[in-house]
Amino acid sequence: MSEPTHLESIHTVGVGALADRMGIEIVEATPERLVGTMPVDGNTQPYGLLHGGASVVLAETLGSFGAALSAGPDRVAVGLDINATHHRAARSGIVTGTATRLSAGRSVASYEVVVTDDEGRRLCTARISCLLRDRAPGA
């Protein structure tokens, strides 16, 4: 039996309660690049636009999984910093986040996450850094 792919491993673990509630689906996963989608519907602010916080949740979900993949087995990734710049709004459709690893060492991994709309227009650019550490014994 072959080793599960990174994407299969993520689907086995799940994306977490918040990401599930927001409809986030990870469709591609390697330590260097992750791609995920999220519906605009259900993730809007009072004006009917995609909530900026929803874009950040998508970015953190992708960047954190990428950092965990970079950390390797028996290690964990813990968020240190995330920031985002919102470029334009979306009112409907599906948004796609693409996380690209900027760097990964023994202790820190950083990703840039670009969120785009159905037409490929950039909605948000986020940067996330995670601490990589050994898993606690028995965890």
Protein backbone atom coordinates (compact mmCIF):
# COMPACT_ATOMS: atom_id res chain seq x y z
CA MET A 1 0.00 0.00 0.00
CA SER A 2 1.42 3.39 -0.95
CA GLU A 3 1.85 6.41 1.31
CA PRO A 4 -1.09 8.82 1.24
CA THR A 5 -0.55 12.04 -0.70
CA HIS A 6 -0.45 15.36 1.17
CA LEU A 7 -3.95 16.13 -0.08
CA GLU A 8 -5.27 12.74 1.06
CA SER A 9 -3.70 13.32 4.48
CA ILE A 10 -5.39 16.71 4.80
CA HIS A 11 -8.75 15.25 3.78
CA THR A 12 -8.30 12.50 6.40
CA VAL A 13 -7.57 15.01 9.17
CA GLY A 14 -10.11 17.57 7.92
CA VAL A 15 -9.71 21.33 7.62
CA GLY A 16 -11.20 22.16 11.03
CA ALA A 17 -14.57 23.34 12.29
CA LEU A 18 -14.26 26.98 11.17
CA ALA A 19 -12.98 26.12 7.70
CA ASP A 20 -15.73 23.51 7.34
CA ARG A 21 -18.38 26.05 8.36
CA MET A 22 -17.03 28.49 5.77
CA GLY A 23 -17.05 25.90 2.99
CA ILE A 24 -13.28 25.82 2.49
CA GLU A 25 -12.02 22.94 0.39
CA ILE A 26 -8.33 22.25 -0.20
CA VAL A 27 -7.87 21.01 -3.76
CA GLU A 28 -4.07 20.89 -4.10
CA ALA A 29 -1.43 20.39 -1.43
CA THR A 30 2.34 20.13 -1.38
CA PRO A 31 4.73 21.77 1.10
CA GLU A 32 5.54 24.37 -1.59
CA ARG A 33 2.02 25.20 -2.82
CA LEU A 34 -1.56 24.78 -1.63
CA VAL A 35 -4.77 25.74 -3.39
CA GLY A 36 -8.16 26.00 -1.75
CA THR A 37 -11.60 27.33 -2.61
CA MET A 38 -14.36 29.01 -0.61
CA PRO A 39 -17.85 30.23 -1.58
CA VAL A 40 -18.64 33.92 -1.23
CA ASP A 41 -22.21 33.02 -0.27
CA GLY A 42 -22.43 32.66 3.51
CA ASN A 43 -19.13 34.50 4.04
CA THR A 44 -20.24 38.09 3.47
CA GLN A 45 -20.39 41.24 5.56
CA PRO A 46 -23.57 43.38 5.89
CA TYR A 47 -23.06 45.07 2.49
CA GLY A 48 -23.16 41.72 0.70
CA LEU A 49 -19.41 41.68 -0.03
CA LEU A 50 -16.99 38.90 0.83
CA HIS A 51 -15.93 39.56 4.41
CA GLY A 52 -12.25 40.46 4.67
CA GLY A 53 -11.96 38.15 7.65
CA ALA A 54 -13.18 35.27 5.49
CA SER A 55 -10.28 35.88 3.10
CA VAL A 56 -7.93 35.83 6.08
CA VAL A 57 -9.41 32.54 7.34
CA LEU A 58 -8.84 31.02 3.89
CA ALA A 59 -5.27 32.34 3.86
CA GLU A 60 -4.51 31.09 7.37
CA THR A 61 -5.99 27.67 6.62
CA LEU A 62 -3.80 27.25 3.53
CA GLY A 63 -0.64 28.74 5.05
CA SER A 64 -0.96 26.74 8.27
CA PHE A 65 -1.42 23.45 6.39
CA GLY A 66 1.54 24.33 4.20
CA ALA A 67 3.68 25.05 7.25
CA ALA A 68 2.58 21.76 8.82
CA LEU A 69 3.59 19.91 5.65
CA SER A 70 6.93 21.75 5.68
CA ALA A 71 7.47 20.85 9.35
CA GLY A 72 7.26 17.14 8.57
CA PRO A 73 6.12 14.19 10.67
CA ASP A 74 6.23 14.49 14.46
CA ARG A 75 6.39 18.28 14.19
CA VAL A 76 3.67 20.93 14.35
CA ALA A 77 3.11 24.42 12.96
CA VAL A 78 1.87 27.22 15.21
CA GLY A 79 0.81 30.58 13.79
CA LEU A 80 3.05 33.55 14.59
CA ASP A 81 1.83 36.31 12.30
CA ILE A 82 -0.67 36.97 9.56
CA ASN A 83 -1.44 40.16 7.67
CA ALA A 84 -3.58 40.89 4.65
CA THR A 85 -4.18 43.59 2.09
CA HIS A 86 -7.63 43.68 0.47
CA HIS A 87 -7.55 44.88 -3.14
CA ARG A 88 -11.12 44.52 -4.39
CA ALA A 89 -14.50 43.07 -3.41
CA ALA A 90 -16.44 39.99 -4.47
CA ARG A 91 -20.23 39.64 -4.27
CA SER A 92 -20.76 36.09 -5.50
CA GLY A 93 -19.10 32.97 -6.82
CA ILE A 94 -16.16 31.00 -5.53
CA VAL A 95 -12.85 32.50 -4.45
CA THR A 96 -9.58 30.62 -4.78
CA GLY A 97 -6.59 30.95 -2.49
CA THR A 98 -3.13 29.95 -3.65
CA ALA A 99 -0.48 29.69 -0.95
CA THR A 100 3.13 29.73 -2.13
CA ARG A 101 5.95 28.97 0.28
CA LEU A 102 8.35 31.88 0.62
CA SER A 103 10.73 30.17 3.03
CA ALA A 104 10.94 27.22 5.38
CA GLY A 105 13.70 26.46 7.81
CA ARG A 106 13.87 24.32 10.90
CA SER A 107 11.92 26.80 13.04
CA VAL A 108 9.82 29.10 10.78
CA ALA A 109 7.85 28.75 7.55
CA SER A 110 6.33 31.68 5.64
CA TYR A 111 3.75 31.73 2.85
CA GLU A 112 2.22 34.29 0.53
CA VAL A 113 -1.45 33.63 -0.15
CA VAL A 114 -3.21 35.25 -3.11
CA VAL A 115 -7.02 35.13 -3.11
CA THR A 116 -8.69 35.59 -6.50
CA ASP A 117 -12.28 35.67 -7.80
CA ASP A 118 -13.88 33.55 -10.54
CA GLU A 119 -12.32 35.80 -13.17
CA GLY A 120 -8.81 35.52 -11.74
CA ARG A 121 -8.79 39.05 -10.31
CA ARG A 122 -6.75 39.48 -7.13
CA LEU A 123 -8.96 40.19 -4.13
CA CYS A 124 -6.49 39.82 -1.29
CA THR A 125 -2.80 39.23 -0.65
CA ALA A 126 -1.88 37.74 2.73
CA ARG A 127 1.38 36.72 4.34
CA ILE A 128 1.55 34.14 7.13
CA SER A 129 4.45 32.93 9.26
CA CYS A 130 4.32 29.84 11.46
CA LEU A 131 6.65 28.50 14.12
CA LEU A 132 7.71 24.92 13.43
CA ARG A 133 8.36 22.85 16.55
CA ASP A 134 8.57 19.30 17.76
CA ARG A 135 5.26 17.70 18.73
CA ALA A 136 4.87 17.39 22.50
CA PRO A 137 5.38 13.82 23.74
CA GLY A 138 2.07 11.95 23.86
CA ALA A 139 0.25 14.59 21.78
